[in-house]
Amino acid sequence: MAGRPRKEIDWDTVDKLCAIHCTGEEIASVMQVHYDTLNNRCNEAYGVNFSEYYKKASASGKMSLRRKQYEVAMAGNVSMLIWLGKNMLNQRDHVDTEVKDLPPIQIIRANEAN
């Protein structure tokens, strides 16, 4: 008994979809296969599950995004400079929480009013 014809996986397309951080389910949908099939084919072709493959393949997308953020910041985008400073350099806004020069608190009991 012959089963369904074997669906081939276009790994170049998978790599591109990983780079833009599509989910495994989305990638399987584009490939027109079930996620389990994508995972199984990944094991066959590369000896790792799709989750491990995805970690490596999505790294190029992260690098591209960081590069673009850096370029935007270096071009003078103040918001991006602040965001990168806080997230990459652990810079923080200083909020002064010390209260100074307040008058003392007076407690007035209800029966002492007047």
N, C-alpha and C. Protein backbone atom coordinates (compact mmCIF):
# COMPACT_ATOMS: atom_id res chain seq x y z
N MET A 1 0.84 -1.18 0.00
CA MET A 1 0.00 0.00 0.00
C MET A 1 0.89 1.24 0.00
N ALA A 2 0.71 2.09 -0.96
CA ALA A 2 1.52 3.31 -1.08
C ALA A 2 0.85 4.43 -0.30
N GLY A 3 1.65 5.18 0.45
CA GLY A 3 1.12 6.31 1.21
C GLY A 3 1.15 7.57 0.36
N ARG A 4 1.04 8.66 1.03
CA ARG A 4 1.12 9.95 0.35
C ARG A 4 2.49 10.15 -0.24
N PRO A 5 2.57 10.94 -1.32
CA PRO A 5 3.91 11.25 -1.84
C PRO A 5 4.67 12.08 -0.81
N ARG A 6 5.94 11.85 -0.71
CA ARG A 6 6.79 12.55 0.25
C ARG A 6 6.91 14.02 -0.13
N LYS A 7 6.59 14.89 0.80
CA LYS A 7 6.67 16.34 0.58
C LYS A 7 8.10 16.78 0.88
N GLU A 8 8.73 17.42 -0.08
CA GLU A 8 10.10 17.89 0.11
C GLU A 8 10.09 19.22 0.87
N ILE A 9 11.11 19.43 1.66
CA ILE A 9 11.25 20.66 2.44
C ILE A 9 12.30 21.53 1.76
N ASP A 10 11.94 22.76 1.47
CA ASP A 10 12.87 23.73 0.89
C ASP A 10 13.60 24.41 2.05
N TRP A 11 14.78 23.92 2.38
CA TRP A 11 15.50 24.40 3.56
C TRP A 11 15.97 25.84 3.41
N ASP A 12 16.19 26.32 2.19
CA ASP A 12 16.55 27.74 2.00
C ASP A 12 15.39 28.63 2.45
N THR A 13 14.18 28.25 2.07
CA THR A 13 13.00 29.01 2.49
C THR A 13 12.81 28.91 4.00
N VAL A 14 13.03 27.73 4.55
CA VAL A 14 12.92 27.55 6.00
C VAL A 14 13.90 28.49 6.71
N ASP A 15 15.14 28.56 6.21
CA ASP A 15 16.15 29.44 6.81
C ASP A 15 15.71 30.90 6.77
N LYS A 16 15.14 31.32 5.66
CA LYS A 16 14.68 32.71 5.54
C LYS A 16 13.53 33.00 6.50
N LEU A 17 12.63 32.04 6.66
CA LEU A 17 11.51 32.21 7.57
C LEU A 17 11.99 32.21 9.03
N CYS A 18 13.00 31.39 9.32
CA CYS A 18 13.59 31.41 10.67
C CYS A 18 14.23 32.77 10.95
N ALA A 19 14.89 33.33 9.94
CA ALA A 19 15.58 34.61 10.11
C ALA A 19 14.62 35.75 10.44
N ILE A 20 13.37 35.65 9.98
CA ILE A 20 12.40 36.71 10.32
C ILE A 20 11.51 36.27 11.48
N HIS A 21 11.94 35.21 12.16
CA HIS A 21 11.34 34.73 13.41
C HIS A 21 9.89 34.26 13.27
N CYS A 22 9.60 33.62 12.15
CA CYS A 22 8.31 32.94 12.04
C CYS A 22 8.33 31.77 13.02
N THR A 23 7.18 31.38 13.51
CA THR A 23 7.12 30.23 14.41
C THR A 23 7.27 28.94 13.61
N GLY A 24 7.55 27.86 14.32
CA GLY A 24 7.64 26.55 13.67
C GLY A 24 6.34 26.17 12.99
N GLU A 25 5.22 26.50 13.64
CA GLU A 25 3.92 26.20 13.05
C GLU A 25 3.71 27.00 11.76
N GLU A 26 4.12 28.27 11.76
CA GLU A 26 3.98 29.09 10.56
C GLU A 26 4.85 28.55 9.43
N ILE A 27 6.06 28.15 9.77
CA ILE A 27 6.98 27.61 8.76
C ILE A 27 6.41 26.32 8.18
N ALA A 28 5.91 25.46 9.06
CA ALA A 28 5.30 24.20 8.58
C ALA A 28 4.13 24.51 7.65
N SER A 29 3.36 25.52 7.99
CA SER A 29 2.21 25.89 7.14
C SER A 29 2.68 26.35 5.76
N VAL A 30 3.72 27.17 5.72
CA VAL A 30 4.25 27.63 4.43
C VAL A 30 4.77 26.44 3.62
N MET A 31 5.40 25.49 4.31
CA MET A 31 5.92 24.30 3.64
C MET A 31 4.81 23.30 3.29
N GLN A 32 3.60 23.59 3.77
CA GLN A 32 2.43 22.74 3.55
C GLN A 32 2.62 21.33 4.12
N VAL A 33 3.19 21.31 5.35
CA VAL A 33 3.35 20.06 6.09
C VAL A 33 2.92 20.30 7.53
N HIS A 34 2.69 19.24 8.26
CA HIS A 34 2.41 19.33 9.68
C HIS A 34 3.73 19.63 10.40
N TYR A 35 3.64 20.30 11.56
CA TYR A 35 4.86 20.62 12.31
C TYR A 35 5.66 19.36 12.64
N ASP A 36 4.96 18.27 12.97
CA ASP A 36 5.67 17.01 13.28
C ASP A 36 6.48 16.53 12.08
N THR A 37 5.95 16.71 10.88
CA THR A 37 6.68 16.32 9.67
C THR A 37 7.93 17.18 9.51
N LEU A 38 7.79 18.49 9.74
CA LEU A 38 8.95 19.38 9.67
C LEU A 38 10.00 18.96 10.68
N ASN A 39 9.58 18.65 11.88
CA ASN A 39 10.50 18.21 12.92
C ASN A 39 11.20 16.90 12.53
N ASN A 40 10.42 15.96 12.01
CA ASN A 40 10.99 14.67 11.59
C ASN A 40 11.99 14.84 10.45
N ARG A 41 11.65 15.66 9.46
CA ARG A 41 12.56 15.90 8.33
C ARG A 41 13.84 16.59 8.78
N CYS A 42 13.70 17.45 9.76
CA CYS A 42 14.87 18.13 10.31
C CYS A 42 15.80 17.11 10.96
N ASN A 43 15.22 16.18 11.71
CA ASN A 43 16.02 15.11 12.31
C ASN A 43 16.71 14.27 11.25
N GLU A 44 15.99 13.96 10.18
CA GLU A 44 16.56 13.16 9.09
C GLU A 44 17.70 13.89 8.39
N ALA A 45 17.48 15.18 8.08
CA ALA A 45 18.45 15.94 7.29
C ALA A 45 19.64 16.45 8.11
N TYR A 46 19.40 16.82 9.37
CA TYR A 46 20.44 17.50 10.14
C TYR A 46 20.76 16.85 11.47
N GLY A 47 20.00 15.84 11.85
CA GLY A 47 20.29 15.13 13.09
C GLY A 47 19.92 15.90 14.36
N VAL A 48 19.10 16.91 14.22
CA VAL A 48 18.62 17.68 15.38
C VAL A 48 17.13 17.91 15.23
N ASN A 49 16.46 18.20 16.35
CA ASN A 49 15.04 18.53 16.23
C ASN A 49 14.90 19.96 15.69
N PHE A 50 13.69 20.30 15.31
CA PHE A 50 13.50 21.61 14.68
C PHE A 50 13.80 22.76 15.63
N SER A 51 13.54 22.56 16.90
CA SER A 51 13.83 23.61 17.89
C SER A 51 15.31 23.98 17.88
N GLU A 52 16.18 22.99 17.85
CA GLU A 52 17.63 23.24 17.80
C GLU A 52 18.02 23.89 16.48
N TYR A 53 17.45 23.39 15.39
CA TYR A 53 17.73 23.96 14.07
C TYR A 53 17.32 25.44 14.05
N TYR A 54 16.14 25.72 14.60
CA TYR A 54 15.59 27.08 14.61
C TYR A 54 16.51 28.05 15.35
N LYS A 55 17.07 27.61 16.48
CA LYS A 55 17.97 28.47 17.25
C LYS A 55 19.12 28.97 16.39
N LYS A 56 19.70 28.06 15.64
CA LYS A 56 20.84 28.43 14.78
C LYS A 56 20.39 29.27 13.59
N ALA A 57 19.29 28.86 12.96
CA ALA A 57 18.84 29.55 11.74
C ALA A 57 18.28 30.93 12.03
N SER A 58 17.74 31.15 13.21
CA SER A 58 17.15 32.46 13.52
C SER A 58 18.21 33.46 13.98
N ALA A 59 19.41 33.00 14.28
CA ALA A 59 20.46 33.90 14.76
C ALA A 59 20.81 34.98 13.74
N SER A 60 20.79 34.66 12.47
CA SER A 60 21.12 35.67 11.45
C SER A 60 20.11 36.80 11.44
N GLY A 61 18.84 36.47 11.71
CA GLY A 61 17.81 37.50 11.77
C GLY A 61 18.03 38.43 12.96
N LYS A 62 18.41 37.86 14.09
CA LYS A 62 18.70 38.68 15.27
C LYS A 62 19.88 39.61 15.00
N MET A 63 20.89 39.08 14.34
CA MET A 63 22.06 39.92 14.03
C MET A 63 21.67 41.06 13.09
N SER A 64 20.87 40.77 12.10
CA SER A 64 20.43 41.82 11.17
C SER A 64 19.63 42.90 11.88
N LEU A 65 18.76 42.48 12.77
CA LEU A 65 17.95 43.43 13.53
C LEU A 65 18.83 44.30 14.43
N ARG A 66 19.77 43.68 15.12
CA ARG A 66 20.69 44.46 15.97
C ARG A 66 21.50 45.45 15.13
N ARG A 67 21.96 44.99 13.97
CA ARG A 67 22.75 45.86 13.09
C ARG A 67 21.93 47.08 12.67
N LYS A 68 20.67 46.85 12.29
CA LYS A 68 19.82 47.95 11.85
C LYS A 68 19.53 48.91 13.01
N GLN A 69 19.27 48.36 14.20
CA GLN A 69 19.04 49.22 15.36
C GLN A 69 20.27 50.08 15.63
N TYR A 70 21.44 49.48 15.54
CA TYR A 70 22.67 50.22 15.78
C TYR A 70 22.85 51.32 14.74
N GLU A 71 22.58 51.00 13.47
CA GLU A 71 22.70 52.01 12.41
C GLU A 71 21.74 53.17 12.65
N VAL A 72 20.51 52.86 13.04
CA VAL A 72 19.52 53.91 13.30
C VAL A 72 19.98 54.78 14.47
N ALA A 73 20.47 54.13 15.52
CA ALA A 73 20.96 54.88 16.68
C ALA A 73 22.13 55.77 16.30
N MET A 74 23.07 55.23 15.55
CA MET A 74 24.27 56.00 15.18
C MET A 74 23.94 57.13 14.20
N ALA A 75 22.81 57.01 13.53
CA ALA A 75 22.38 58.09 12.63
C ALA A 75 21.71 59.22 13.42
N GLY A 76 21.59 59.04 14.74
CA GLY A 76 21.09 60.12 15.57
C GLY A 76 19.70 59.94 16.12
N ASN A 77 19.12 58.77 15.99
CA ASN A 77 17.79 58.54 16.53
C ASN A 77 17.91 58.43 18.06
N VAL A 78 17.49 59.49 18.74
CA VAL A 78 17.67 59.58 20.19
C VAL A 78 16.93 58.45 20.91
N SER A 79 15.71 58.15 20.49
CA SER A 79 14.95 57.08 21.14
C SER A 79 15.69 55.75 21.06
N MET A 80 16.27 55.46 19.91
CA MET A 80 17.00 54.21 19.75
C MET A 80 18.28 54.22 20.58
N LEU A 81 18.95 55.37 20.64
CA LEU A 81 20.15 55.47 21.49
C LEU A 81 19.81 55.18 22.95
N ILE A 82 18.72 55.76 23.43
CA ILE A 82 18.29 55.53 24.81
C ILE A 82 17.92 54.06 25.01
N TRP A 83 17.15 53.50 24.09
CA TRP A 83 16.71 52.11 24.21
C TRP A 83 17.91 51.17 24.25
N LEU A 84 18.86 51.35 23.32
CA LEU A 84 20.03 50.48 23.29
C LEU A 84 20.88 50.66 24.55
N GLY A 85 21.00 51.91 25.01
CA GLY A 85 21.76 52.15 26.23
C GLY A 85 21.16 51.41 27.41
N LYS A 86 19.86 51.45 27.54
CA LYS A 86 19.20 50.77 28.65
C LYS A 86 19.28 49.25 28.52
N ASN A 87 19.11 48.74 27.32
CA ASN A 87 19.05 47.30 27.13
C ASN A 87 20.39 46.62 26.92
N MET A 88 21.36 47.32 26.37
CA MET A 88 22.64 46.68 26.11
C MET A 88 23.72 47.12 27.11
N LEU A 89 23.57 48.30 27.66
CA LEU A 89 24.59 48.82 28.57
C LEU A 89 24.10 48.92 30.02
N ASN A 90 22.89 48.44 30.26
CA ASN A 90 22.28 48.48 31.59
C ASN A 90 22.20 49.88 32.17
N GLN A 91 22.06 50.88 31.32
CA GLN A 91 21.88 52.24 31.78
C GLN A 91 20.43 52.39 32.24
N ARG A 92 20.23 53.20 33.25
CA ARG A 92 18.89 53.41 33.79
C ARG A 92 18.66 54.88 34.06
N ASP A 93 17.40 55.29 34.00
CA ASP A 93 17.04 56.63 34.43
C ASP A 93 17.11 56.63 35.95
N HIS A 94 17.68 57.69 36.52
CA HIS A 94 17.75 57.81 37.98
C HIS A 94 16.52 58.56 38.46
N VAL A 95 15.78 57.94 39.35
CA VAL A 95 14.60 58.58 39.91
C VAL A 95 14.89 58.84 41.38
N ASP A 96 14.88 60.13 41.76
CA ASP A 96 15.16 60.50 43.14
C ASP A 96 13.90 60.27 43.96
N THR A 97 13.99 59.34 44.91
CA THR A 97 12.81 59.00 45.72
C THR A 97 12.89 59.60 47.12
N GLU A 98 13.94 60.34 47.41
CA GLU A 98 14.07 60.94 48.73
C GLU A 98 13.15 62.15 48.83
N VAL A 99 12.38 62.21 49.90
CA VAL A 99 11.46 63.32 50.12
C VAL A 99 12.12 64.29 51.09
N LYS A 100 12.16 65.57 50.73
CA LYS A 100 12.84 66.58 51.54
C LYS A 100 11.89 67.72 51.88
N ASP A 101 12.15 68.35 53.01
CA ASP A 101 11.49 69.59 53.41
C ASP A 101 9.97 69.51 53.45
N LEU A 102 9.44 68.43 53.97
CA LEU A 102 7.99 68.34 54.16
C LEU A 102 7.66 68.73 55.59
N PRO A 103 6.54 69.38 55.80
CA PRO A 103 6.17 69.71 57.17
C PRO A 103 5.85 68.44 57.95
N PRO A 104 5.99 68.48 59.27
CA PRO A 104 5.69 67.28 60.05
C PRO A 104 4.21 66.92 59.94
N ILE A 105 3.93 65.66 60.12
CA ILE A 105 2.55 65.19 60.05
C ILE A 105 1.89 65.42 61.41
N GLN A 106 0.72 65.99 61.38
CA GLN A 106 -0.04 66.20 62.61
C GLN A 106 -1.21 65.22 62.63
N ILE A 107 -1.36 64.55 63.74
CA ILE A 107 -2.47 63.61 63.91
C ILE A 107 -3.49 64.28 64.83
N ILE A 108 -4.69 64.41 64.34
CA ILE A 108 -5.78 65.04 65.12
C ILE A 108 -6.83 63.99 65.36
N ARG A 109 -7.11 63.72 66.64
CA ARG A 109 -8.13 62.74 66.98
C ARG A 109 -9.50 63.38 66.84
N ALA A 110 -10.50 62.57 66.49
CA ALA A 110 -11.85 63.08 66.27
C ALA A 110 -12.41 63.81 67.48
N ASN A 111 -12.16 63.31 68.67
CA ASN A 111 -12.72 63.95 69.85
C ASN A 111 -11.94 65.21 70.26
N GLU A 112 -10.79 65.47 69.64
CA GLU A 112 -10.00 66.66 69.93
C GLU A 112 -10.24 67.76 68.91
N ALA A 113 -11.03 67.47 67.89
CA ALA A 113 -11.28 68.49 66.85
C ALA A 113 -12.00 69.67 67.48
N ASN A 114 -11.72 70.85 67.06
CA ASN A 114 -12.26 72.14 67.53
C ASN A 114 -11.30 72.78 68.42
